[in-house]
């Protein structure tokens, strides 16, 4: 198994630019009207509104770059995480001793955890609750299959 888990972003870069253009045009239209009637301080808040939306989307897109990779082989279960271009291994354990647990399956708080002795790691947090439950089952099947590959019965 080599699963790549990325957050779902519903707005593309093109859609983002269209949204910013519409928001900027609307704010400029309102700003012109407010300046015309003499409400001089209000346009400052429209600019701050636009800046706030821009910052919120930048943070959202930066978090969207987070990638989690779960790899299962006959020897090892490994979890790598890439954030802002930096990839690091956060979990590595022998396949023979690694366990998978799905807590609160089907509920909003569902979690998939890898366990080894007293260590544990949650994986697939960016998936929906149902996807997490399915991923936990697939991960468990992959570990069982990898064990059978190494030690045939």
C-alpha atoms as a PDB file:
ATOM      1  CA  UNK A   1       0.000   0.000   0.000  1.00  0.00           C
ATOM      2  CA  UNK A   2       1.169   3.483  -0.810  1.00  0.00           C
ATOM      3  CA  UNK A   3      -1.628   5.918   0.036  1.00  0.00           C
ATOM      4  CA  UNK A   4      -1.287   9.652  -0.550  1.00  0.00           C
ATOM      5  CA  UNK A   5      -3.738  11.718   1.529  1.00  0.00           C
ATOM      6  CA  UNK A   6      -4.281  15.367   0.632  1.00  0.00           C
ATOM      7  CA  UNK A   7      -6.946  17.815   1.832  1.00  0.00           C
ATOM      8  CA  UNK A   8      -9.771  18.544  -0.582  1.00  0.00           C
ATOM      9  CA  UNK A   9      -9.918  22.124  -1.833  1.00  0.00           C
ATOM     10  CA  UNK A  10     -13.198  23.066  -3.472  1.00  0.00           C
ATOM     11  CA  UNK A  11     -11.981  26.345  -5.007  1.00  0.00           C
ATOM     12  CA  UNK A  12      -9.394  26.265  -7.776  1.00  0.00           C
ATOM     13  CA  UNK A  13      -6.791  29.002  -8.303  1.00  0.00           C
ATOM     14  CA  UNK A  14      -8.833  30.382 -11.214  1.00  0.00           C
ATOM     15  CA  UNK A  15     -11.970  30.436  -9.083  1.00  0.00           C
ATOM     16  CA  UNK A  16     -10.007  32.181  -6.342  1.00  0.00           C
ATOM     17  CA  UNK A  17      -8.966  34.973  -8.729  1.00  0.00           C
ATOM     18  CA  UNK A  18     -12.539  35.358  -9.983  1.00  0.00           C
ATOM     19  CA  UNK A  19     -13.808  35.577  -6.388  1.00  0.00           C
ATOM     20  CA  UNK A  20     -11.200  38.209  -5.507  1.00  0.00           C
ATOM     21  CA  UNK A  21     -12.068  40.186  -8.650  1.00  0.00           C
ATOM     22  CA  UNK A  22     -15.780  40.174  -7.850  1.00  0.00           C
ATOM     23  CA  UNK A  23     -15.114  41.133  -4.232  1.00  0.00           C
ATOM     24  CA  UNK A  24     -12.752  43.942  -5.265  1.00  0.00           C
ATOM     25  CA  UNK A  25     -15.252  45.292  -7.813  1.00  0.00           C
ATOM     26  CA  UNK A  26     -18.079  45.177  -5.274  1.00  0.00           C
ATOM     27  CA  UNK A  27     -15.963  46.896  -2.612  1.00  0.00           C
ATOM     28  CA  UNK A  28     -14.890  49.610  -5.082  1.00  0.00           C
ATOM     29  CA  UNK A  29     -18.509  50.206  -6.080  1.00  0.00           C
ATOM     30  CA  UNK A  30     -19.620  50.516  -2.460  1.00  0.00           C
ATOM     31  CA  UNK A  31     -16.554  52.615  -1.655  1.00  0.00           C
ATOM     32  CA  UNK A  32     -17.412  55.068  -4.459  1.00  0.00           C
ATOM     33  CA  UNK A  33     -20.970  55.408  -3.188  1.00  0.00           C
ATOM     34  CA  UNK A  34     -19.838  55.952   0.415  1.00  0.00           C
ATOM     35  CA  UNK A  35     -17.280  58.564  -0.617  1.00  0.00           C
ATOM     36  CA  UNK A  36     -19.995  60.283  -2.651  1.00  0.00           C
ATOM     37  CA  UNK A  37     -22.279  60.615   0.382  1.00  0.00           C
ATOM     38  CA  UNK A  38     -19.421  61.693   2.663  1.00  0.00           C
ATOM     39  CA  UNK A  39     -18.794  58.549   4.727  1.00  0.00           C
ATOM     40  CA  UNK A  40     -15.003  58.815   4.545  1.00  0.00           C
ATOM     41  CA  UNK A  41     -13.911  56.314   7.267  1.00  0.00           C
ATOM     42  CA  UNK A  42     -16.008  53.400   5.957  1.00  0.00           C
ATOM     43  CA  UNK A  43     -13.876  52.657   2.838  1.00  0.00           C
ATOM     44  CA  UNK A  44     -10.949  51.873   5.161  1.00  0.00           C
ATOM     45  CA  UNK A  45     -12.977  48.990   6.599  1.00  0.00           C
ATOM     46  CA  UNK A  46     -13.834  47.749   3.104  1.00  0.00           C
ATOM     47  CA  UNK A  47     -10.105  47.589   2.384  1.00  0.00           C
ATOM     48  CA  UNK A  48      -9.533  45.710   5.635  1.00  0.00           C
ATOM     49  CA  UNK A  49     -12.357  43.341   4.668  1.00  0.00           C
ATOM     50  CA  UNK A  50     -10.655  42.584   1.346  1.00  0.00           C
ATOM     51  CA  UNK A  51      -7.296  42.109   3.077  1.00  0.00           C
ATOM     52  CA  UNK A  52      -8.890  39.736   5.638  1.00  0.00           C
ATOM     53  CA  UNK A  53     -10.395  37.557   2.880  1.00  0.00           C
ATOM     54  CA  UNK A  54      -7.041  37.501   1.068  1.00  0.00           C
ATOM     55  CA  UNK A  55      -5.171  36.422   4.224  1.00  0.00           C
ATOM     56  CA  UNK A  56      -7.773  33.749   5.069  1.00  0.00           C
ATOM     57  CA  UNK A  57      -7.469  32.182   1.624  1.00  0.00           C
ATOM     58  CA  UNK A  58      -3.656  32.269   1.727  1.00  0.00           C
ATOM     59  CA  UNK A  59      -3.727  30.393   5.045  1.00  0.00           C
ATOM     60  CA  UNK A  60      -6.238  27.926   3.600  1.00  0.00           C
ATOM     61  CA  UNK A  61      -4.111  27.263   0.500  1.00  0.00           C
ATOM     62  CA  UNK A  62      -0.982  26.888   2.617  1.00  0.00           C
ATOM     63  CA  UNK A  63      -2.721  24.242   4.733  1.00  0.00           C
ATOM     64  CA  UNK A  64      -3.894  22.604   1.532  1.00  0.00           C
ATOM     65  CA  UNK A  65      -0.265  21.859   0.695  1.00  0.00           C
ATOM     66  CA  UNK A  66      -0.136  19.391   3.613  1.00  0.00           C
ATOM     67  CA  UNK A  67       0.343  15.833   2.319  1.00  0.00           C
ATOM     68  CA  UNK A  68       0.352  12.606   4.288  1.00  0.00           C
ATOM     69  CA  UNK A  69       1.726   9.402   2.790  1.00  0.00           C
ATOM     70  CA  UNK A  70       1.134   5.981   4.363  1.00  0.00           C
ATOM     71  CA  UNK A  71       3.306   3.167   3.055  1.00  0.00           C
ATOM     72  CA  UNK A  72       2.957  -0.496   3.980  1.00  0.00           C
ATOM     73  CA  UNK A  73       5.511  -3.085   2.904  1.00  0.00           C
ATOM     74  CA  UNK A  74       6.342  -6.566   4.142  1.00  0.00           C
ATOM     75  CA  UNK A  75       8.977  -5.127   6.471  1.00  0.00           C
ATOM     76  CA  UNK A  76       7.748  -1.685   7.480  1.00  0.00           C
ATOM     77  CA  UNK A  77       4.788   0.628   8.018  1.00  0.00           C
ATOM     78  CA  UNK A  78       5.865   4.202   7.378  1.00  0.00           C
ATOM     79  CA  UNK A  79       4.065   7.546   7.549  1.00  0.00           C
ATOM     80  CA  UNK A  80       5.607  10.581   5.880  1.00  0.00           C
ATOM     81  CA  UNK A  81       4.227  14.101   6.124  1.00  0.00           C
ATOM     82  CA  UNK A  82       5.060  16.954   3.758  1.00  0.00           C
ATOM     83  CA  UNK A  83       4.276  20.490   4.785  1.00  0.00           C
ATOM     84  CA  UNK A  84       5.592  23.566   2.943  1.00  0.00           C
ATOM     85  CA  UNK A  85       7.898  21.449   0.815  1.00  0.00           C
ATOM     86  CA  UNK A  86       9.589  19.713   3.759  1.00  0.00           C
ATOM     87  CA  UNK A  87       8.987  15.955   3.962  1.00  0.00           C
ATOM     88  CA  UNK A  88       9.704  14.033   7.142  1.00  0.00           C
ATOM     89  CA  UNK A  89       9.050  10.557   8.470  1.00  0.00           C
ATOM     90  CA  UNK A  90       6.771  10.708  11.507  1.00  0.00           C
ATOM     91  CA  UNK A  91       6.204   6.967  11.974  1.00  0.00           C
ATOM     92  CA  UNK A  92       8.162   3.861  11.192  1.00  0.00           C
ATOM     93  CA  UNK A  93       7.432   0.435  12.661  1.00  0.00           C
ATOM     94  CA  UNK A  94       7.755  -3.242  11.774  1.00  0.00           C
ATOM     95  CA  UNK A  95       4.695  -4.506   9.930  1.00  0.00           C
ATOM     96  CA  UNK A  96       4.532  -7.626  12.089  1.00  0.00           C
ATOM     97  CA  UNK A  97       3.871  -5.647  15.272  1.00  0.00           C
ATOM     98  CA  UNK A  98       1.884  -2.681  13.991  1.00  0.00           C
ATOM     99  CA  UNK A  99      -1.828  -2.558  14.796  1.00  0.00           C
ATOM    100  CA  UNK A 100      -4.586  -0.384  13.341  1.00  0.00           C
ATOM    101  CA  UNK A 101      -7.514   0.854  15.383  1.00  0.00           C
ATOM    102  CA  UNK A 102     -10.520   2.802  14.149  1.00  0.00           C
ATOM    103  CA  UNK A 103     -12.110   4.730  16.993  1.00  0.00           C
ATOM    104  CA  UNK A 104     -15.686   6.054  16.783  1.00  0.00           C
ATOM    105  CA  UNK A 105     -16.227   4.511  13.343  1.00  0.00           C
ATOM    106  CA  UNK A 106     -18.833   6.318  11.268  1.00  0.00           C
ATOM    107  CA  UNK A 107     -19.034   9.278  13.645  1.00  0.00           C
ATOM    108  CA  UNK A 108     -17.684  12.772  13.089  1.00  0.00           C
ATOM    109  CA  UNK A 109     -14.857  12.155  15.572  1.00  0.00           C
ATOM    110  CA  UNK A 110     -13.697   8.962  13.832  1.00  0.00           C
ATOM    111  CA  UNK A 111      -9.943   8.379  14.077  1.00  0.00           C
ATOM    112  CA  UNK A 112      -7.572   5.941  12.468  1.00  0.00           C
ATOM    113  CA  UNK A 113      -4.585   5.168  14.656  1.00  0.00           C
ATOM    114  CA  UNK A 114      -1.449   3.159  14.154  1.00  0.00           C
ATOM    115  CA  UNK A 115      -0.265   1.470  17.350  1.00  0.00           C
ATOM    116  CA  UNK A 116       2.958  -0.151  18.431  1.00  0.00           C
ATOM    117  CA  UNK A 117       3.472  -0.930  22.129  1.00  0.00           C
ATOM    118  CA  UNK A 118       2.854   2.410  23.895  1.00  0.00           C
ATOM    119  CA  UNK A 119       3.247   4.532  20.733  1.00  0.00           C
ATOM    120  CA  UNK A 120       0.369   5.682  18.560  1.00  0.00           C
ATOM    121  CA  UNK A 121      -0.202   8.035  15.647  1.00  0.00           C
ATOM    122  CA  UNK A 122      -3.438   9.328  14.109  1.00  0.00           C
ATOM    123  CA  UNK A 123      -3.506   9.252  10.309  1.00  0.00           C
ATOM    124  CA  UNK A 124      -5.971  10.489   7.697  1.00  0.00           C
ATOM    125  CA  UNK A 125      -7.218  13.504   9.659  1.00  0.00           C
ATOM    126  CA  UNK A 126      -7.977  15.408   6.443  1.00  0.00           C
ATOM    127  CA  UNK A 127     -10.411  12.697   5.280  1.00  0.00           C
ATOM    128  CA  UNK A 128     -14.146  12.778   5.947  1.00  0.00           C
ATOM    129  CA  UNK A 129     -15.445  10.509   8.760  1.00  0.00           C
ATOM    130  CA  UNK A 130     -16.698   7.827   6.343  1.00  0.00           C
ATOM    131  CA  UNK A 131     -13.471   7.983   4.330  1.00  0.00           C
ATOM    132  CA  UNK A 132     -11.460   7.591   7.552  1.00  0.00           C
ATOM    133  CA  UNK A 133     -13.390   4.448   8.451  1.00  0.00           C
ATOM    134  CA  UNK A 134     -12.843   3.031   4.941  1.00  0.00           C
ATOM    135  CA  UNK A 135      -9.173   4.003   5.032  1.00  0.00           C
ATOM    136  CA  UNK A 136      -8.737   2.274   8.401  1.00  0.00           C
ATOM    137  CA  UNK A 137     -10.200  -0.946   6.987  1.00  0.00           C
ATOM    138  CA  UNK A 138      -8.017  -0.727   3.869  1.00  0.00           C
ATOM    139  CA  UNK A 139      -4.933  -0.063   5.986  1.00  0.00           C
ATOM    140  CA  UNK A 140      -5.669  -3.058   8.193  1.00  0.00           C
ATOM    141  CA  UNK A 141      -6.139  -5.284   5.122  1.00  0.00           C
ATOM    142  CA  UNK A 142      -2.859  -3.988   3.647  1.00  0.00           C
ATOM    143  CA  UNK A 143      -0.963  -4.778   6.865  1.00  0.00           C
ATOM    144  CA  UNK A 144      -2.455  -8.291   7.026  1.00  0.00           C
ATOM    145  CA  UNK A 145      -1.589  -8.849   3.374  1.00  0.00           C
ATOM    146  CA  UNK A 146       1.972  -7.585   3.902  1.00  0.00           C
ATOM    147  CA  UNK A 147       2.409  -9.920   6.874  1.00  0.00           C
ATOM    148  CA  UNK A 148       1.168 -12.864   4.799  1.00  0.00           C
ATOM    149  CA  UNK A 149       3.619 -11.891   2.063  1.00  0.00           C
ATOM    150  CA  UNK A 150       6.539 -12.131   4.448  1.00  0.00           C
ATOM    151  CA  UNK A 151       5.380 -15.125   6.485  1.00  0.00           C
ATOM    152  CA  UNK A 152       3.164 -17.302   4.263  1.00  0.00           C
ATOM    153  CA  UNK A 153       0.777 -19.536   6.111  1.00  0.00           C
END
